[in-house]
Amino acid sequence: MCNIIEEANFILDSNLTIREAAKKLGVSKSSLHRHMSKYLINIDYDLYLKIKNVFLEHNKIRHINGGLATRQKYLLKE
């Protein structure tokens, strides 16, 4: 298992979502989210702010990706 700083740097370098990063790192998404939102703020505040911005960007486009996935699902059914 990686430490919190390594997890944060991995997310920044790869720009993966929480779910994708957790799968690659071999931890649960709940644990990874807790590491990034509760523990990282006390360890490295600047890194925490960078991670927070990545997660906010992912939240902004989440509904678009969901809509595209739904559209693709129904196109395949036809």
N, C-alpha and C. Protein backbone atom coordinates (compact mmCIF):
# COMPACT_ATOMS: atom_id res chain seq x y z
N MET A 1 0.84 -1.19 0.00
CA MET A 1 0.00 0.00 0.00
C MET A 1 0.88 1.25 0.00
N CYS A 2 0.53 2.21 -0.80
CA CYS A 2 1.31 3.44 -0.92
C CYS A 2 1.02 4.38 0.24
N ASN A 3 1.91 5.33 0.43
CA ASN A 3 1.58 6.34 1.42
C ASN A 3 0.76 7.44 0.77
N ILE A 4 0.25 8.34 1.56
CA ILE A 4 -0.71 9.33 1.10
C ILE A 4 -0.11 10.29 0.08
N ILE A 5 1.12 10.71 0.29
CA ILE A 5 1.78 11.61 -0.66
C ILE A 5 1.95 10.93 -2.02
N GLU A 6 2.35 9.67 -2.02
CA GLU A 6 2.50 8.93 -3.28
C GLU A 6 1.16 8.79 -3.98
N GLU A 7 0.11 8.52 -3.23
CA GLU A 7 -1.23 8.41 -3.83
C GLU A 7 -1.63 9.72 -4.48
N ALA A 8 -1.40 10.83 -3.78
CA ALA A 8 -1.77 12.15 -4.31
C ALA A 8 -0.98 12.46 -5.58
N ASN A 9 0.31 12.20 -5.56
CA ASN A 9 1.13 12.46 -6.74
C ASN A 9 0.71 11.58 -7.92
N PHE A 10 0.32 10.35 -7.64
CA PHE A 10 -0.16 9.46 -8.69
C PHE A 10 -1.42 10.03 -9.34
N ILE A 11 -2.34 10.52 -8.52
CA ILE A 11 -3.58 11.10 -9.04
C ILE A 11 -3.27 12.34 -9.88
N LEU A 12 -2.37 13.19 -9.41
CA LEU A 12 -2.02 14.39 -10.16
C LEU A 12 -1.35 14.06 -11.49
N ASP A 13 -0.44 13.09 -11.46
CA ASP A 13 0.28 12.72 -12.68
C ASP A 13 -0.62 12.05 -13.71
N SER A 14 -1.53 11.22 -13.24
CA SER A 14 -2.35 10.43 -14.16
C SER A 14 -3.69 11.09 -14.48
N ASN A 15 -4.13 12.04 -13.63
CA ASN A 15 -5.43 12.70 -13.78
C ASN A 15 -6.58 11.69 -13.81
N LEU A 16 -6.44 10.62 -13.05
CA LEU A 16 -7.49 9.61 -12.96
C LEU A 16 -8.55 10.03 -11.95
N THR A 17 -9.75 9.47 -12.11
CA THR A 17 -10.79 9.70 -11.12
C THR A 17 -10.46 8.89 -9.86
N ILE A 18 -11.20 9.16 -8.80
CA ILE A 18 -11.00 8.42 -7.55
C ILE A 18 -11.16 6.93 -7.78
N ARG A 19 -12.21 6.56 -8.49
CA ARG A 19 -12.50 5.15 -8.73
C ARG A 19 -11.38 4.48 -9.53
N GLU A 20 -10.92 5.14 -10.59
CA GLU A 20 -9.86 4.58 -11.42
C GLU A 20 -8.53 4.50 -10.66
N ALA A 21 -8.21 5.55 -9.92
CA ALA A 21 -6.96 5.58 -9.16
C ALA A 21 -6.97 4.52 -8.06
N ALA A 22 -8.09 4.36 -7.39
CA ALA A 22 -8.18 3.37 -6.32
C ALA A 22 -7.95 1.97 -6.87
N LYS A 23 -8.51 1.71 -8.04
CA LYS A 23 -8.32 0.39 -8.65
C LYS A 23 -6.85 0.16 -8.99
N LYS A 24 -6.19 1.17 -9.57
CA LYS A 24 -4.77 1.04 -9.93
C LYS A 24 -3.88 0.89 -8.70
N LEU A 25 -4.23 1.60 -7.61
CA LEU A 25 -3.41 1.58 -6.40
C LEU A 25 -3.73 0.39 -5.49
N GLY A 26 -4.83 -0.29 -5.75
CA GLY A 26 -5.19 -1.45 -4.95
C GLY A 26 -5.77 -1.11 -3.59
N VAL A 27 -6.47 0.03 -3.51
CA VAL A 27 -7.15 0.42 -2.28
C VAL A 27 -8.61 0.70 -2.63
N SER A 28 -9.45 0.77 -1.61
CA SER A 28 -10.86 1.07 -1.87
C SER A 28 -11.00 2.56 -2.18
N LYS A 29 -12.03 2.90 -2.92
CA LYS A 29 -12.22 4.31 -3.25
C LYS A 29 -12.57 5.12 -2.01
N SER A 30 -13.23 4.48 -1.05
CA SER A 30 -13.54 5.18 0.21
C SER A 30 -12.27 5.53 0.96
N SER A 31 -11.34 4.59 1.02
CA SER A 31 -10.07 4.84 1.71
C SER A 31 -9.27 5.92 0.99
N LEU A 32 -9.22 5.84 -0.32
CA LEU A 32 -8.47 6.83 -1.09
C LEU A 32 -9.08 8.22 -0.91
N HIS A 33 -10.39 8.30 -0.96
CA HIS A 33 -11.06 9.59 -0.77
C HIS A 33 -10.78 10.14 0.62
N ARG A 34 -10.83 9.29 1.64
CA ARG A 34 -10.54 9.71 3.01
C ARG A 34 -9.09 10.21 3.12
N HIS A 35 -8.17 9.50 2.49
CA HIS A 35 -6.76 9.92 2.51
C HIS A 35 -6.61 11.31 1.90
N MET A 36 -7.28 11.54 0.76
CA MET A 36 -7.12 12.79 0.05
C MET A 36 -7.87 13.95 0.72
N SER A 37 -9.01 13.67 1.34
CA SER A 37 -9.82 14.76 1.88
C SER A 37 -9.57 15.05 3.36
N LYS A 38 -9.17 14.05 4.13
CA LYS A 38 -9.01 14.27 5.57
C LYS A 38 -7.56 14.28 6.02
N TYR A 39 -6.74 13.41 5.48
CA TYR A 39 -5.37 13.29 5.98
C TYR A 39 -4.39 14.18 5.23
N LEU A 40 -4.57 14.32 3.93
CA LEU A 40 -3.62 15.08 3.13
C LEU A 40 -3.58 16.55 3.54
N ILE A 41 -4.71 17.09 3.95
CA ILE A 41 -4.77 18.50 4.34
C ILE A 41 -3.80 18.81 5.48
N ASN A 42 -3.59 17.85 6.36
CA ASN A 42 -2.68 18.04 7.50
C ASN A 42 -1.22 17.73 7.14
N ILE A 43 -1.02 16.98 6.09
CA ILE A 43 0.34 16.58 5.70
C ILE A 43 0.96 17.60 4.75
N ASP A 44 0.23 17.96 3.70
CA ASP A 44 0.75 18.88 2.68
C ASP A 44 -0.43 19.68 2.12
N TYR A 45 -0.63 20.87 2.63
CA TYR A 45 -1.80 21.67 2.27
C TYR A 45 -1.80 22.06 0.79
N ASP A 46 -0.64 22.41 0.24
CA ASP A 46 -0.57 22.78 -1.18
C ASP A 46 -0.95 21.61 -2.09
N LEU A 47 -0.47 20.43 -1.75
CA LEU A 47 -0.82 19.24 -2.52
C LEU A 47 -2.31 18.93 -2.37
N TYR A 48 -2.85 19.14 -1.18
CA TYR A 48 -4.29 18.96 -0.94
C TYR A 48 -5.10 19.87 -1.87
N LEU A 49 -4.69 21.13 -2.01
CA LEU A 49 -5.42 22.06 -2.87
C LEU A 49 -5.38 21.63 -4.33
N LYS A 50 -4.25 21.09 -4.77
CA LYS A 50 -4.14 20.59 -6.15
C LYS A 50 -5.08 19.41 -6.37
N ILE A 51 -5.11 18.49 -5.41
CA ILE A 51 -5.99 17.32 -5.51
C ILE A 51 -7.45 17.76 -5.49
N LYS A 52 -7.76 18.71 -4.63
CA LYS A 52 -9.13 19.22 -4.54
C LYS A 52 -9.58 19.79 -5.89
N ASN A 53 -8.68 20.52 -6.57
CA ASN A 53 -9.01 21.07 -7.89
C ASN A 53 -9.24 19.98 -8.92
N VAL A 54 -8.44 18.92 -8.87
CA VAL A 54 -8.63 17.79 -9.79
C VAL A 54 -10.01 17.16 -9.56
N PHE A 55 -10.36 16.95 -8.31
CA PHE A 55 -11.65 16.34 -8.00
C PHE A 55 -12.82 17.25 -8.39
N LEU A 56 -12.65 18.56 -8.22
CA LEU A 56 -13.71 19.49 -8.64
C LEU A 56 -13.90 19.45 -10.15
N GLU A 57 -12.81 19.36 -10.89
CA GLU A 57 -12.91 19.24 -12.35
C GLU A 57 -13.64 17.96 -12.75
N HIS A 58 -13.32 16.87 -12.07
CA HIS A 58 -13.98 15.60 -12.36
C HIS A 58 -15.47 15.68 -12.05
N ASN A 59 -15.83 16.38 -10.97
CA ASN A 59 -17.25 16.54 -10.63
C ASN A 59 -17.98 17.38 -11.67
N LYS A 60 -17.29 18.38 -12.23
CA LYS A 60 -17.92 19.24 -13.24
C LYS A 60 -18.29 18.46 -14.50
N ILE A 61 -17.48 17.48 -14.88
CA ILE A 61 -17.75 16.76 -16.12
C ILE A 61 -18.45 15.41 -15.90
N ARG A 62 -18.73 15.09 -14.66
CA ARG A 62 -19.34 13.80 -14.34
C ARG A 62 -20.68 13.61 -15.06
N HIS A 63 -21.53 14.63 -15.04
CA HIS A 63 -22.85 14.49 -15.67
C HIS A 63 -22.73 14.35 -17.18
N ILE A 64 -21.72 14.96 -17.77
CA ILE A 64 -21.52 14.83 -19.21
C ILE A 64 -21.11 13.40 -19.56
N ASN A 65 -20.17 12.86 -18.81
CA ASN A 65 -19.73 11.48 -19.05
C ASN A 65 -20.87 10.49 -18.84
N GLY A 66 -21.68 10.74 -17.83
CA GLY A 66 -22.83 9.86 -17.58
C GLY A 66 -23.82 9.90 -18.73
N GLY A 67 -24.06 11.09 -19.27
CA GLY A 67 -24.97 11.23 -20.40
C GLY A 67 -24.43 10.54 -21.64
N LEU A 68 -23.13 10.65 -21.87
CA LEU A 68 -22.53 9.99 -23.03
C LEU A 68 -22.59 8.47 -22.88
N ALA A 69 -22.39 7.97 -21.67
CA ALA A 69 -22.46 6.53 -21.44
C ALA A 69 -23.88 6.02 -21.67
N THR A 70 -24.85 6.77 -21.21
CA THR A 70 -26.26 6.38 -21.41
C THR A 70 -26.60 6.40 -22.90
N ARG A 71 -26.16 7.43 -23.59
CA ARG A 71 -26.42 7.51 -25.03
C ARG A 71 -25.81 6.32 -25.75
N GLN A 72 -24.58 5.98 -25.41
CA GLN A 72 -23.90 4.85 -26.03
C GLN A 72 -24.63 3.54 -25.75
N LYS A 73 -25.12 3.40 -24.53
CA LYS A 73 -25.85 2.19 -24.14
C LYS A 73 -27.08 1.99 -25.02
N TYR A 74 -27.84 3.07 -25.25
CA TYR A 74 -29.04 2.94 -26.04
C TYR A 74 -28.76 2.83 -27.54
N LEU A 75 -27.65 3.39 -27.99
CA LEU A 75 -27.28 3.22 -29.39
C LEU A 75 -26.91 1.78 -29.70
N LEU A 76 -26.30 1.11 -28.73
CA LEU A 76 -25.91 -0.29 -28.91
C LEU A 76 -27.13 -1.21 -28.89
N LYS A 77 -28.21 -0.82 -28.23
CA LYS A 77 -29.40 -1.65 -28.15
C LYS A 77 -30.18 -1.66 -29.46
N GLU A 78 -29.99 -0.63 -30.28
CA GLU A 78 -30.75 -0.52 -31.54
C GLU A 78 -30.25 -1.46 -32.60
